[in-house]
């Protein structure tokens, strides 16, 4: 089964930037739609951005214009460039492959990795 390893988190001041990386195992990475999720303390995990195999991207309203998702299929890696960070972006960030359901909702394909902590604070 495919596995994901997230990295790149850290402590950053409001207005700062971070770039997260997610390395995938397995040979099917190029065909996956890949998503970045986050989970803040006491809140449910939410999908904040995803990128289809062809490169089409989609963002949650809360991060639109500030976050950019990209992928390198040769490296089996997906990235999340986060700019203009806000305290409310503080969360553990995870990546996963996404499956689209007939209901229009999405679900993760694989088990969750360990995630990477992003803390935005002055």
PDB file of N, CA and C in Angstrom:
ATOM      1  N   UNK A   1       0.852  -1.195   0.000  1.00  0.00           N
ATOM      2  CA  UNK A   1       0.000   0.000   0.000  1.00  0.00           C
ATOM      3  C   UNK A   1       0.888   1.246   0.000  1.00  0.00           C
ATOM      4  N   UNK A   2       0.403   2.273  -0.676  1.00  0.00           N
ATOM      5  CA  UNK A   2       1.178   3.506  -0.741  1.00  0.00           C
ATOM      6  C   UNK A   2       1.288   4.132   0.644  1.00  0.00           C
ATOM      7  N   UNK A   3       2.432   4.743   0.903  1.00  0.00           N
ATOM      8  CA  UNK A   3       2.669   5.443   2.152  1.00  0.00           C
ATOM      9  C   UNK A   3       3.192   6.839   1.859  1.00  0.00           C
ATOM     10  N   UNK A   4       2.951   7.748   2.814  1.00  0.00           N
ATOM     11  CA  UNK A   4       3.349   9.141   2.628  1.00  0.00           C
ATOM     12  C   UNK A   4       4.150   9.617   3.835  1.00  0.00           C
ATOM     13  N   UNK A   5       5.169  10.433   3.558  1.00  0.00           N
ATOM     14  CA  UNK A   5       5.993  11.014   4.618  1.00  0.00           C
ATOM     15  C   UNK A   5       6.037  12.522   4.404  1.00  0.00           C
ATOM     16  N   UNK A   6       5.464  13.254   5.371  1.00  0.00           N
ATOM     17  CA  UNK A   6       5.412  14.705   5.296  1.00  0.00           C
ATOM     18  C   UNK A   6       6.613  15.321   6.016  1.00  0.00           C
ATOM     19  N   UNK A   7       7.037  16.491   5.525  1.00  0.00           N
ATOM     20  CA  UNK A   7       8.133  17.216   6.162  1.00  0.00           C
ATOM     21  C   UNK A   7       8.022  18.700   5.825  1.00  0.00           C
ATOM     22  N   UNK A   8       8.809  19.505   6.533  1.00  0.00           N
ATOM     23  CA  UNK A   8       8.902  20.923   6.218  1.00  0.00           C
ATOM     24  C   UNK A   8       8.184  21.853   7.169  1.00  0.00           C
ATOM     25  N   UNK A   9       7.481  21.292   8.145  1.00  0.00           N
ATOM     26  CA  UNK A   9       6.786  22.146   9.097  1.00  0.00           C
ATOM     27  C   UNK A   9       7.743  22.856  10.039  1.00  0.00           C
ATOM     28  N   UNK A  10       7.177  23.724  10.868  1.00  0.00           N
ATOM     29  CA  UNK A  10       7.994  24.447  11.835  1.00  0.00           C
ATOM     30  C   UNK A  10       7.232  25.596  12.442  1.00  0.00           C
ATOM     31  N   UNK A  11       7.973  26.433  13.152  1.00  0.00           N
ATOM     32  CA  UNK A  11       7.418  27.624  13.786  1.00  0.00           C
ATOM     33  C   UNK A  11       7.729  28.831  12.904  1.00  0.00           C
ATOM     34  N   UNK A  12       6.709  29.606  12.600  1.00  0.00           N
ATOM     35  CA  UNK A  12       6.886  30.770  11.744  1.00  0.00           C
ATOM     36  C   UNK A  12       6.025  31.903  12.269  1.00  0.00           C
ATOM     37  N   UNK A  13       6.475  33.122  12.062  1.00  0.00           N
ATOM     38  CA  UNK A  13       5.715  34.290  12.496  1.00  0.00           C
ATOM     39  C   UNK A  13       4.570  34.570  11.530  1.00  0.00           C
ATOM     40  N   UNK A  14       3.523  35.212  11.996  1.00  0.00           N
ATOM     41  CA  UNK A  14       2.434  35.602  11.089  1.00  0.00           C
ATOM     42  C   UNK A  14       2.980  36.396   9.910  1.00  0.00           C
ATOM     43  N   UNK A  15       2.467  36.080   8.734  1.00  0.00           N
ATOM     44  CA  UNK A  15       2.953  36.705   7.518  1.00  0.00           C
ATOM     45  C   UNK A  15       4.093  35.972   6.858  1.00  0.00           C
ATOM     46  N   UNK A  16       4.628  34.986   7.533  1.00  0.00           N
ATOM     47  CA  UNK A  16       5.757  34.234   7.006  1.00  0.00           C
ATOM     48  C   UNK A  16       5.340  33.138   6.036  1.00  0.00           C
ATOM     49  N   UNK A  17       6.333  32.367   5.597  1.00  0.00           N
ATOM     50  CA  UNK A  17       6.105  31.324   4.597  1.00  0.00           C
ATOM     51  C   UNK A  17       6.767  30.019   5.025  1.00  0.00           C
ATOM     52  N   UNK A  18       6.186  28.931   4.556  1.00  0.00           N
ATOM     53  CA  UNK A  18       6.765  27.597   4.708  1.00  0.00           C
ATOM     54  C   UNK A  18       6.450  26.793   3.460  1.00  0.00           C
ATOM     55  N   UNK A  19       7.299  25.833   3.187  1.00  0.00           N
ATOM     56  CA  UNK A  19       7.054  24.904   2.090  1.00  0.00           C
ATOM     57  C   UNK A  19       7.061  23.486   2.634  1.00  0.00           C
ATOM     58  N   UNK A  20       5.933  22.827   2.520  1.00  0.00           N
ATOM     59  CA  UNK A  20       5.814  21.449   2.969  1.00  0.00           C
ATOM     60  C   UNK A  20       6.061  20.498   1.807  1.00  0.00           C
ATOM     61  N   UNK A  21       6.615  19.330   2.135  1.00  0.00           N
ATOM     62  CA  UNK A  21       6.837  18.289   1.145  1.00  0.00           C
ATOM     63  C   UNK A  21       6.190  16.999   1.615  1.00  0.00           C
ATOM     64  N   UNK A  22       5.788  16.193   0.658  1.00  0.00           N
ATOM     65  CA  UNK A  22       5.196  14.892   0.954  1.00  0.00           C
ATOM     66  C   UNK A  22       5.748  13.892  -0.059  1.00  0.00           C
ATOM     67  N   UNK A  23       6.535  12.957   0.442  1.00  0.00           N
ATOM     68  CA  UNK A  23       7.130  11.934  -0.411  1.00  0.00           C
ATOM     69  C   UNK A  23       6.289  10.666  -0.344  1.00  0.00           C
ATOM     70  N   UNK A  24       6.004  10.115  -1.513  1.00  0.00           N
ATOM     71  CA  UNK A  24       5.155   8.930  -1.600  1.00  0.00           C
ATOM     72  C   UNK A  24       5.956   7.708  -2.025  1.00  0.00           C
ATOM     73  N   UNK A  25       5.558   6.565  -1.504  1.00  0.00           N
ATOM     74  CA  UNK A  25       6.140   5.307  -1.950  1.00  0.00           C
ATOM     75  C   UNK A  25       5.239   4.692  -3.018  1.00  0.00           C
ATOM     76  N   UNK A  26       5.743   3.740  -3.769  1.00  0.00           N
ATOM     77  CA  UNK A  26       4.908   3.070  -4.760  1.00  0.00           C
ATOM     78  C   UNK A  26       4.973   3.728  -6.126  1.00  0.00           C
ATOM     79  N   UNK A  27       4.556   2.985  -7.126  1.00  0.00           N
ATOM     80  CA  UNK A  27       4.697   3.424  -8.513  1.00  0.00           C
ATOM     81  C   UNK A  27       3.438   4.093  -9.072  1.00  0.00           C
ATOM     82  N   UNK A  28       2.362   4.141  -8.276  1.00  0.00           N
ATOM     83  CA  UNK A  28       1.106   4.681  -8.791  1.00  0.00           C
ATOM     84  C   UNK A  28       0.946   6.167  -8.541  1.00  0.00           C
ATOM     85  N   UNK A  29       1.939   6.796  -7.936  1.00  0.00           N
ATOM     86  CA  UNK A  29       1.818   8.211  -7.569  1.00  0.00           C
ATOM     87  C   UNK A  29       1.335   9.076  -8.726  1.00  0.00           C
ATOM     88  N   UNK A  30       1.870   8.925  -9.938  1.00  0.00           N
ATOM     89  CA  UNK A  30       1.461   9.842 -11.016  1.00  0.00           C
ATOM     90  C   UNK A  30      -0.030   9.845 -11.321  1.00  0.00           C
ATOM     91  N   UNK A  31      -0.739   8.787 -11.012  1.00  0.00           N
ATOM     92  CA  UNK A  31      -2.159   8.750 -11.365  1.00  0.00           C
ATOM     93  C   UNK A  31      -3.052   9.226 -10.229  1.00  0.00           C
ATOM     94  N   UNK A  32      -2.466   9.426  -9.050  1.00  0.00           N
ATOM     95  CA  UNK A  32      -3.272   9.840  -7.905  1.00  0.00           C
ATOM     96  C   UNK A  32      -3.610  11.319  -7.949  1.00  0.00           C
ATOM     97  N   UNK A  33      -4.820  11.657  -7.524  1.00  0.00           N
ATOM     98  CA  UNK A  33      -5.078  13.022  -7.077  1.00  0.00           C
ATOM     99  C   UNK A  33      -4.541  13.108  -5.659  1.00  0.00           C
ATOM    100  N   UNK A  34      -3.730  14.111  -5.402  1.00  0.00           N
ATOM    101  CA  UNK A  34      -3.078  14.243  -4.095  1.00  0.00           C
ATOM    102  C   UNK A  34      -3.644  15.441  -3.341  1.00  0.00           C
ATOM    103  N   UNK A  35      -3.858  15.237  -2.067  1.00  0.00           N
ATOM    104  CA  UNK A  35      -4.427  16.298  -1.246  1.00  0.00           C
ATOM    105  C   UNK A  35      -3.586  16.622  -0.034  1.00  0.00           C
ATOM    106  N   UNK A  36      -3.657  17.876   0.386  1.00  0.00           N
ATOM    107  CA  UNK A  36      -3.093  18.310   1.661  1.00  0.00           C
ATOM    108  C   UNK A  36      -4.260  18.572   2.618  1.00  0.00           C
ATOM    109  N   UNK A  37      -4.157  17.962   3.780  1.00  0.00           N
ATOM    110  CA  UNK A  37      -5.141  18.125   4.839  1.00  0.00           C
ATOM    111  C   UNK A  37      -4.469  18.800   6.032  1.00  0.00           C
ATOM    112  N   UNK A  38      -5.272  19.310   6.930  1.00  0.00           N
ATOM    113  CA  UNK A  38      -4.738  19.801   8.187  1.00  0.00           C
ATOM    114  C   UNK A  38      -5.734  19.534   9.302  1.00  0.00           C
ATOM    115  N   UNK A  39      -5.184  19.387  10.501  1.00  0.00           N
ATOM    116  CA  UNK A  39      -6.015  19.168  11.677  1.00  0.00           C
ATOM    117  C   UNK A  39      -5.499  20.017  12.814  1.00  0.00           C
ATOM    118  N   UNK A  40      -6.317  20.974  13.203  1.00  0.00           N
ATOM    119  CA  UNK A  40      -5.991  21.839  14.327  1.00  0.00           C
ATOM    120  C   UNK A  40      -6.506  21.194  15.613  1.00  0.00           C
ATOM    121  N   UNK A  41      -5.933  21.554  16.752  1.00  0.00           N
ATOM    122  CA  UNK A  41      -6.374  20.974  18.026  1.00  0.00           C
ATOM    123  C   UNK A  41      -7.871  21.137  18.244  1.00  0.00           C
ATOM    124  N   UNK A  42      -8.541  20.040  18.546  1.00  0.00           N
ATOM    125  CA  UNK A  42      -9.969  20.092  18.825  1.00  0.00           C
ATOM    126  C   UNK A  42     -10.862  20.192  17.608  1.00  0.00           C
ATOM    127  N   UNK A  43     -10.267  20.126  16.426  1.00  0.00           N
ATOM    128  CA  UNK A  43     -11.052  20.256  15.198  1.00  0.00           C
ATOM    129  C   UNK A  43     -10.889  19.017  14.323  1.00  0.00           C
ATOM    130  N   UNK A  44     -11.826  18.857  13.405  1.00  0.00           N
ATOM    131  CA  UNK A  44     -11.741  17.749  12.463  1.00  0.00           C
ATOM    132  C   UNK A  44     -10.690  18.028  11.400  1.00  0.00           C
ATOM    133  N   UNK A  45     -10.163  16.961  10.850  1.00  0.00           N
ATOM    134  CA  UNK A  45      -9.219  17.110   9.745  1.00  0.00           C
ATOM    135  C   UNK A  45      -9.962  17.648   8.528  1.00  0.00           C
ATOM    136  N   UNK A  46      -9.351  18.619   7.843  1.00  0.00           N
ATOM    137  CA  UNK A  46      -9.983  19.228   6.685  1.00  0.00           C
ATOM    138  C   UNK A  46      -9.030  19.209   5.503  1.00  0.00           C
ATOM    139  N   UNK A  47      -9.625  19.093   4.326  1.00  0.00           N
ATOM    140  CA  UNK A  47      -8.867  19.137   3.079  1.00  0.00           C
ATOM    141  C   UNK A  47      -8.682  20.589   2.681  1.00  0.00           C
ATOM    142  N   UNK A  48      -7.442  21.029   2.513  1.00  0.00           N
ATOM    143  CA  UNK A  48      -7.196  22.431   2.188  1.00  0.00           C
ATOM    144  C   UNK A  48      -6.776  22.651   0.746  1.00  0.00           C
ATOM    145  N   UNK A  49      -6.233  21.627   0.106  1.00  0.00           N
ATOM    146  CA  UNK A  49      -5.806  21.790  -1.281  1.00  0.00           C
ATOM    147  C   UNK A  49      -5.642  20.415  -1.917  1.00  0.00           C
ATOM    148  N   UNK A  50      -5.903  20.346  -3.223  1.00  0.00           N
ATOM    149  CA  UNK A  50      -5.599  19.110  -3.908  1.00  0.00           C
ATOM    150  C   UNK A  50      -5.166  19.390  -5.342  1.00  0.00           C
ATOM    151  N   UNK A  51      -4.459  18.429  -5.897  1.00  0.00           N
ATOM    152  CA  UNK A  51      -3.956  18.552  -7.255  1.00  0.00           C
ATOM    153  C   UNK A  51      -4.186  17.225  -7.971  1.00  0.00           C
ATOM    154  N   UNK A  52      -4.823  17.310  -9.118  1.00  0.00           N
ATOM    155  CA  UNK A  52      -5.109  16.110  -9.895  1.00  0.00           C
ATOM    156  C   UNK A  52      -3.868  15.653 -10.653  1.00  0.00           C
ATOM    157  N   UNK A  53      -3.953  14.478 -11.214  1.00  0.00           N
ATOM    158  CA  UNK A  53      -2.790  13.930 -11.913  1.00  0.00           C
ATOM    159  C   UNK A  53      -2.360  14.824 -13.072  1.00  0.00           C
ATOM    160  N   UNK A  54      -3.301  15.513 -13.680  1.00  0.00           N
ATOM    161  CA  UNK A  54      -2.989  16.396 -14.807  1.00  0.00           C
ATOM    162  C   UNK A  54      -2.541  17.784 -14.404  1.00  0.00           C
ATOM    163  N   UNK A  55      -2.583  18.060 -13.091  1.00  0.00           N
ATOM    164  CA  UNK A  55      -2.094  19.342 -12.606  1.00  0.00           C
ATOM    165  C   UNK A  55      -3.168  20.334 -12.191  1.00  0.00           C
ATOM    166  N   UNK A  56      -4.434  20.020 -12.418  1.00  0.00           N
ATOM    167  CA  UNK A  56      -5.504  20.918 -11.981  1.00  0.00           C
ATOM    168  C   UNK A  56      -5.536  20.981 -10.462  1.00  0.00           C
ATOM    169  N   UNK A  57      -5.675  22.200  -9.942  1.00  0.00           N
ATOM    170  CA  UNK A  57      -5.639  22.394  -8.491  1.00  0.00           C
ATOM    171  C   UNK A  57      -6.963  22.947  -7.975  1.00  0.00           C
ATOM    172  N   UNK A  58      -7.167  22.762  -6.681  1.00  0.00           N
ATOM    173  CA  UNK A  58      -8.361  23.282  -6.016  1.00  0.00           C
ATOM    174  C   UNK A  58      -7.999  23.584  -4.576  1.00  0.00           C
ATOM    175  N   UNK A  59      -8.579  24.668  -4.026  1.00  0.00           N
ATOM    176  CA  UNK A  59      -8.230  25.120  -2.690  1.00  0.00           C
ATOM    177  C   UNK A  59      -9.471  25.416  -1.863  1.00  0.00           C
ATOM    178  N   UNK A  60      -9.347  25.201  -0.565  1.00  0.00           N
ATOM    179  CA  UNK A  60     -10.377  25.659   0.352  1.00  0.00           C
ATOM    180  C   UNK A  60     -10.362  27.181   0.385  1.00  0.00           C
ATOM    181  N   UNK A  61     -11.509  27.769   0.634  1.00  0.00           N
ATOM    182  CA  UNK A  61     -11.602  29.225   0.642  1.00  0.00           C
ATOM    183  C   UNK A  61     -10.644  29.847   1.665  1.00  0.00           C
ATOM    184  N   UNK A  62     -10.398  29.147   2.754  1.00  0.00           N
ATOM    185  CA  UNK A  62      -9.570  29.700   3.828  1.00  0.00           C
ATOM    186  C   UNK A  62      -8.114  29.872   3.431  1.00  0.00           C
ATOM    187  N   UNK A  63      -7.670  29.184   2.381  1.00  0.00           N
ATOM    188  CA  UNK A  63      -6.264  29.268   1.985  1.00  0.00           C
ATOM    189  C   UNK A  63      -6.085  29.781   0.562  1.00  0.00           C
ATOM    190  N   UNK A  64      -7.169  29.999  -0.136  1.00  0.00           N
ATOM    191  CA  UNK A  64      -7.097  30.417  -1.533  1.00  0.00           C
ATOM    192  C   UNK A  64      -6.343  31.735  -1.645  1.00  0.00           C
ATOM    193  N   UNK A  65      -5.410  31.781  -2.582  1.00  0.00           N
ATOM    194  CA  UNK A  65      -4.608  32.989  -2.784  1.00  0.00           C
ATOM    195  C   UNK A  65      -3.360  33.038  -1.932  1.00  0.00           C
ATOM    196  N   UNK A  66      -3.257  32.145  -0.946  1.00  0.00           N
ATOM    197  CA  UNK A  66      -2.088  32.128  -0.058  1.00  0.00           C
ATOM    198  C   UNK A  66      -1.277  30.834  -0.196  1.00  0.00           C
ATOM    199  N   UNK A  67      -1.961  29.739  -0.452  1.00  0.00           N
ATOM    200  CA  UNK A  67      -1.307  28.431  -0.559  1.00  0.00           C
ATOM    201  C   UNK A  67      -1.266  27.993  -2.022  1.00  0.00           C
ATOM    202  N   UNK A  68      -0.205  27.277  -2.381  1.00  0.00           N
ATOM    203  CA  UNK A  68      -0.071  26.724  -3.731  1.00  0.00           C
ATOM    204  C   UNK A  68       0.383  25.273  -3.634  1.00  0.00           C
ATOM    205  N   UNK A  69      -0.385  24.388  -4.249  1.00  0.00           N
ATOM    206  CA  UNK A  69      -0.026  22.972  -4.271  1.00  0.00           C
ATOM    207  C   UNK A  69       0.598  22.647  -5.626  1.00  0.00           C
ATOM    208  N   UNK A  70       1.647  21.830  -5.597  1.00  0.00           N
ATOM    209  CA  UNK A  70       2.306  21.410  -6.829  1.00  0.00           C
ATOM    210  C   UNK A  70       2.804  19.982  -6.648  1.00  0.00           C
ATOM    211  N   UNK A  71       3.234  19.379  -7.744  1.00  0.00           N
ATOM    212  CA  UNK A  71       3.697  18.007  -7.664  1.00  0.00           C
ATOM    213  C   UNK A  71       4.844  17.775  -8.642  1.00  0.00           C
ATOM    214  N   UNK A  72       5.691  16.825  -8.287  1.00  0.00           N
ATOM    215  CA  UNK A  72       6.776  16.378  -9.152  1.00  0.00           C
ATOM    216  C   UNK A  72       6.629  14.866  -9.265  1.00  0.00           C
ATOM    217  N   UNK A  73       6.045  14.415 -10.355  1.00  0.00           N
ATOM    218  CA  UNK A  73       5.771  12.984 -10.494  1.00  0.00           C
ATOM    219  C   UNK A  73       7.051  12.161 -10.572  1.00  0.00           C
ATOM    220  N   UNK A  74       8.101  12.728 -11.135  1.00  0.00           N
ATOM    221  CA  UNK A  74       9.371  11.995 -11.239  1.00  0.00           C
ATOM    222  C   UNK A  74       9.947  11.706  -9.854  1.00  0.00           C
ATOM    223  N   UNK A  75       9.667  12.600  -8.913  1.00  0.00           N
ATOM    224  CA  UNK A  75      10.153  12.422  -7.551  1.00  0.00           C
ATOM    225  C   UNK A  75       9.085  11.850  -6.632  1.00  0.00           C
ATOM    226  N   UNK A  76       7.900  11.601  -7.179  1.00  0.00           N
ATOM    227  CA  UNK A  76       6.781  11.100  -6.368  1.00  0.00           C
ATOM    228  C   UNK A  76       6.585  11.967  -5.136  1.00  0.00           C
ATOM    229  N   UNK A  77       6.558  13.268  -5.346  1.00  0.00           N
ATOM    230  CA  UNK A  77       6.475  14.234  -4.240  1.00  0.00           C
ATOM    231  C   UNK A  77       5.450  15.309  -4.564  1.00  0.00           C
ATOM    232  N   UNK A  78       4.692  15.678  -3.551  1.00  0.00           N
ATOM    233  CA  UNK A  78       3.761  16.795  -3.667  1.00  0.00           C
ATOM    234  C   UNK A  78       4.169  17.859  -2.650  1.00  0.00           C
ATOM    235  N   UNK A  79       3.988  19.107  -3.023  1.00  0.00           N
ATOM    236  CA  UNK A  79       4.429  20.237  -2.206  1.00  0.00           C
ATOM    237  C   UNK A  79       3.245  21.141  -1.853  1.00  0.00           C
ATOM    238  N   UNK A  80       3.406  21.864  -0.766  1.00  0.00           N
ATOM    239  CA  UNK A  80       2.446  22.897  -0.400  1.00  0.00           C
ATOM    240  C   UNK A  80       3.235  24.137   0.004  1.00  0.00           C
ATOM    241  N   UNK A  81       3.208  25.132  -0.864  1.00  0.00           N
ATOM    242  CA  UNK A  81       3.829  26.425  -0.553  1.00  0.00           C
ATOM    243  C   UNK A  81       2.800  27.273   0.179  1.00  0.00           C
ATOM    244  N   UNK A  82       3.153  27.680   1.380  1.00  0.00           N
ATOM    245  CA  UNK A  82       2.231  28.444   2.218  1.00  0.00           C
ATOM    246  C   UNK A  82       2.804  29.828   2.473  1.00  0.00           C
ATOM    247  N   UNK A  83       2.119  30.837   1.997  1.00  0.00           N
ATOM    248  CA  UNK A  83       2.539  32.225   2.175  1.00  0.00           C
ATOM    249  C   UNK A  83       1.517  32.976   3.026  1.00  0.00           C
ATOM    250  N   UNK A  84       1.925  34.120   3.507  1.00  0.00           N
ATOM    251  CA  UNK A  84       1.034  34.972   4.315  1.00  0.00           C
ATOM    252  C   UNK A  84       0.346  34.167   5.405  1.00  0.00           C
ATOM    253  N   UNK A  85       1.127  33.412   6.120  1.00  0.00           N
ATOM    254  CA  UNK A  85       0.560  32.517   7.131  1.00  0.00           C
ATOM    255  C   UNK A  85      -0.093  33.287   8.266  1.00  0.00           C
ATOM    256  N   UNK A  86      -1.163  32.702   8.791  1.00  0.00           N
ATOM    257  CA  UNK A  86      -1.936  33.295   9.867  1.00  0.00           C
ATOM    258  C   UNK A  86      -1.938  32.343  11.064  1.00  0.00           C
ATOM    259  N   UNK A  87      -2.178  32.847  12.252  1.00  0.00           N
ATOM    260  CA  UNK A  87      -2.248  31.951  13.419  1.00  0.00           C
ATOM    261  C   UNK A  87      -3.269  30.835  13.234  1.00  0.00           C
ATOM    262  N   UNK A  88      -4.346  31.104  12.534  1.00  0.00           N
ATOM    263  CA  UNK A  88      -5.363  30.081  12.328  1.00  0.00           C
ATOM    264  C   UNK A  88      -4.924  28.974  11.366  1.00  0.00           C
ATOM    265  N   UNK A  89      -3.762  29.126  10.750  1.00  0.00           N
ATOM    266  CA  UNK A  89      -3.200  28.053   9.929  1.00  0.00           C
ATOM    267  C   UNK A  89      -2.457  27.025  10.782  1.00  0.00           C
ATOM    268  N   UNK A  90      -2.301  27.300  12.059  1.00  0.00           N
ATOM    269  CA  UNK A  90      -1.621  26.372  12.953  1.00  0.00           C
ATOM    270  C   UNK A  90      -2.360  25.041  12.998  1.00  0.00           C
ATOM    271  N   UNK A  91      -1.642  23.965  12.687  1.00  0.00           N
ATOM    272  CA  UNK A  91      -2.251  22.636  12.618  1.00  0.00           C
ATOM    273  C   UNK A  91      -1.163  21.623  12.284  1.00  0.00           C
ATOM    274  N   UNK A  92      -1.523  20.350  12.381  1.00  0.00           N
ATOM    275  CA  UNK A  92      -0.699  19.289  11.813  1.00  0.00           C
ATOM    276  C   UNK A  92      -1.167  19.083  10.375  1.00  0.00           C
ATOM    277  N   UNK A  93      -0.240  19.112   9.454  1.00  0.00           N
ATOM    278  CA  UNK A  93      -0.557  18.985   8.035  1.00  0.00           C
ATOM    279  C   UNK A  93      -0.201  17.575   7.560  1.00  0.00           C
ATOM    280  N   UNK A  94      -1.116  17.001   6.801  1.00  0.00           N
ATOM    281  CA  UNK A  94      -0.972  15.656   6.269  1.00  0.00           C
ATOM    282  C   UNK A  94      -1.207  15.673   4.762  1.00  0.00           C
ATOM    283  N   UNK A  95      -0.629  14.706   4.076  1.00  0.00           N
ATOM    284  CA  UNK A  95      -0.981  14.509   2.670  1.00  0.00           C
ATOM    285  C   UNK A  95      -1.560  13.112   2.510  1.00  0.00           C
ATOM    286  N   UNK A  96      -2.303  12.934   1.450  1.00  0.00           N
ATOM    287  CA  UNK A  96      -2.855  11.624   1.138  1.00  0.00           C
ATOM    288  C   UNK A  96      -3.354  11.643  -0.292  1.00  0.00           C
ATOM    289  N   UNK A  97      -3.464  10.478  -0.868  1.00  0.00           N
ATOM    290  CA  UNK A  97      -4.141  10.356  -2.150  1.00  0.00           C
ATOM    291  C   UNK A  97      -5.647  10.450  -1.895  1.00  0.00           C
ATOM    292  N   UNK A  98      -6.372  10.972  -2.858  1.00  0.00           N
ATOM    293  CA  UNK A  98      -7.805  11.249  -2.685  1.00  0.00           C
ATOM    294  C   UNK A  98      -8.618  10.412  -3.652  1.00  0.00           C
ATOM    295  N   UNK A  99      -9.735   9.913  -3.140  1.00  0.00           N
ATOM    296  CA  UNK A  99     -10.717   9.222  -3.953  1.00  0.00           C
ATOM    297  C   UNK A  99     -11.997  10.063  -3.953  1.00  0.00           C
ATOM    298  N   UNK A 100     -12.534  10.319  -5.135  1.00  0.00           N
ATOM    299  CA  UNK A 100     -13.772  11.089  -5.242  1.00  0.00           C
ATOM    300  C   UNK A 100     -14.963  10.134  -5.248  1.00  0.00           C
ATOM    301  N   UNK A 101     -15.939  10.421  -4.405  1.00  0.00           N
ATOM    302  CA  UNK A 101     -17.116   9.582  -4.276  1.00  0.00           C
ATOM    303  C   UNK A 101     -18.249  10.102  -5.164  1.00  0.00           C
ATOM    304  N   UNK A 102     -19.232   9.250  -5.444  1.00  0.00           N
ATOM    305  CA  UNK A 102     -20.361   9.660  -6.295  1.00  0.00           C
ATOM    306  C   UNK A 102     -21.177  10.767  -5.629  1.00  0.00           C
ATOM    307  N   UNK A 103     -21.053  10.886  -4.301  1.00  0.00           N
ATOM    308  CA  UNK A 103     -21.773  11.931  -3.583  1.00  0.00           C
ATOM    309  C   UNK A 103     -21.135  13.301  -3.778  1.00  0.00           C
ATOM    310  N   UNK A 104     -19.933  13.303  -4.365  1.00  0.00           N
ATOM    311  CA  UNK A 104     -19.211  14.562  -4.513  1.00  0.00           C
ATOM    312  C   UNK A 104     -18.194  14.782  -3.411  1.00  0.00           C
ATOM    313  N   UNK A 105     -18.265  13.967  -2.384  1.00  0.00           N
ATOM    314  CA  UNK A 105     -17.308  14.088  -1.300  1.00  0.00           C
ATOM    315  C   UNK A 105     -16.029  13.330  -1.662  1.00  0.00           C
ATOM    316  N   UNK A 106     -15.026  13.512  -0.831  1.00  0.00           N
ATOM    317  CA  UNK A 106     -13.756  12.827  -1.052  1.00  0.00           C
ATOM    318  C   UNK A 106     -13.414  11.986   0.172  1.00  0.00           C
ATOM    319  N   UNK A 107     -12.557  11.007  -0.044  1.00  0.00           N
ATOM    320  CA  UNK A 107     -12.039  10.248   1.082  1.00  0.00           C
ATOM    321  C   UNK A 107     -10.592   9.907   0.806  1.00  0.00           C
ATOM    322  N   UNK A 108      -9.791   9.763   1.874  1.00  0.00           N
ATOM    323  CA  UNK A 108      -8.395   9.414   1.682  1.00  0.00           C
ATOM    324  C   UNK A 108      -8.254   7.968   1.241  1.00  0.00           C
ATOM    325  N   UNK A 109      -7.210   7.720   0.460  1.00  0.00           N
ATOM    326  CA  UNK A 109      -6.983   6.389  -0.087  1.00  0.00           C
ATOM    327  C   UNK A 109      -6.172   5.520   0.861  1.00  0.00           C
ATOM    328  N   UNK A 110      -5.167   6.107   1.489  1.00  0.00           N
ATOM    329  CA  UNK A 110      -4.201   5.327   2.263  1.00  0.00           C
ATOM    330  C   UNK A 110      -4.277   5.677   3.742  1.00  0.00           C
ATOM    331  N   UNK A 111      -3.479   4.966   4.510  1.00  0.00           N
ATOM    332  CA  UNK A 111      -3.354   5.289   5.930  1.00  0.00           C
ATOM    333  C   UNK A 111      -2.649   6.630   6.081  1.00  0.00           C
ATOM    334  N   UNK A 112      -2.895   7.280   7.212  1.00  0.00           N
ATOM    335  CA  UNK A 112      -2.281   8.579   7.448  1.00  0.00           C
ATOM    336  C   UNK A 112      -0.828   8.425   7.878  1.00  0.00           C
ATOM    337  N   UNK A 113       0.014   9.361   7.417  1.00  0.00           N
ATOM    338  CA  UNK A 113       1.378   9.437   7.896  1.00  0.00           C
ATOM    339  C   UNK A 113       1.428  10.151   9.229  1.00  0.00           C
ATOM    340  N   UNK A 114       2.631  10.530   9.632  1.00  0.00           N
ATOM    341  CA  UNK A 114       2.782  11.189  10.934  1.00  0.00           C
ATOM    342  C   UNK A 114       2.445  12.671  10.887  1.00  0.00           C
ATOM    343  N   UNK A 115       2.370  13.220   9.696  1.00  0.00           N
ATOM    344  CA  UNK A 115       2.078  14.640   9.550  1.00  0.00           C
ATOM    345  C   UNK A 115       3.281  15.505   9.906  1.00  0.00           C
ATOM    346  N   UNK A 116       3.126  16.801   9.676  1.00  0.00           N
ATOM    347  CA  UNK A 116       4.163  17.763  10.036  1.00  0.00           C
ATOM    348  C   UNK A 116       3.493  18.962  10.683  1.00  0.00           C
ATOM    349  N   UNK A 117       4.017  19.378  11.824  1.00  0.00           N
ATOM    350  CA  UNK A 117       3.414  20.448  12.620  1.00  0.00           C
ATOM    351  C   UNK A 117       3.779  21.809  12.053  1.00  0.00           C
ATOM    352  N   UNK A 118       2.776  22.630  11.845  1.00  0.00           N
ATOM    353  CA  UNK A 118       2.964  24.029  11.463  1.00  0.00           C
ATOM    354  C   UNK A 118       2.392  24.891  12.570  1.00  0.00           C
ATOM    355  N   UNK A 119       3.223  25.766  13.114  1.00  0.00           N
ATOM    356  CA  UNK A 119       2.786  26.667  14.171  1.00  0.00           C
ATOM    357  C   UNK A 119       3.074  28.092  13.735  1.00  0.00           C
ATOM    358  N   UNK A 120       2.026  28.896  13.695  1.00  0.00           N
ATOM    359  CA  UNK A 120       2.150  30.298  13.306  1.00  0.00           C
ATOM    360  C   UNK A 120       1.906  31.148  14.539  1.00  0.00           C
ATOM    361  N   UNK A 121       2.958  31.775  15.005  1.00  0.00           N
ATOM    362  CA  UNK A 121       2.862  32.529  16.253  1.00  0.00           C
ATOM    363  C   UNK A 121       3.986  33.544  16.323  1.00  0.00           C
ATOM    364  N   UNK A 122       3.686  34.662  16.964  1.00  0.00           N
ATOM    365  CA  UNK A 122       4.718  35.668  17.182  1.00  0.00           C
ATOM    366  C   UNK A 122       5.362  35.480  18.544  1.00  0.00           C
TER     367      UNK A 122
END
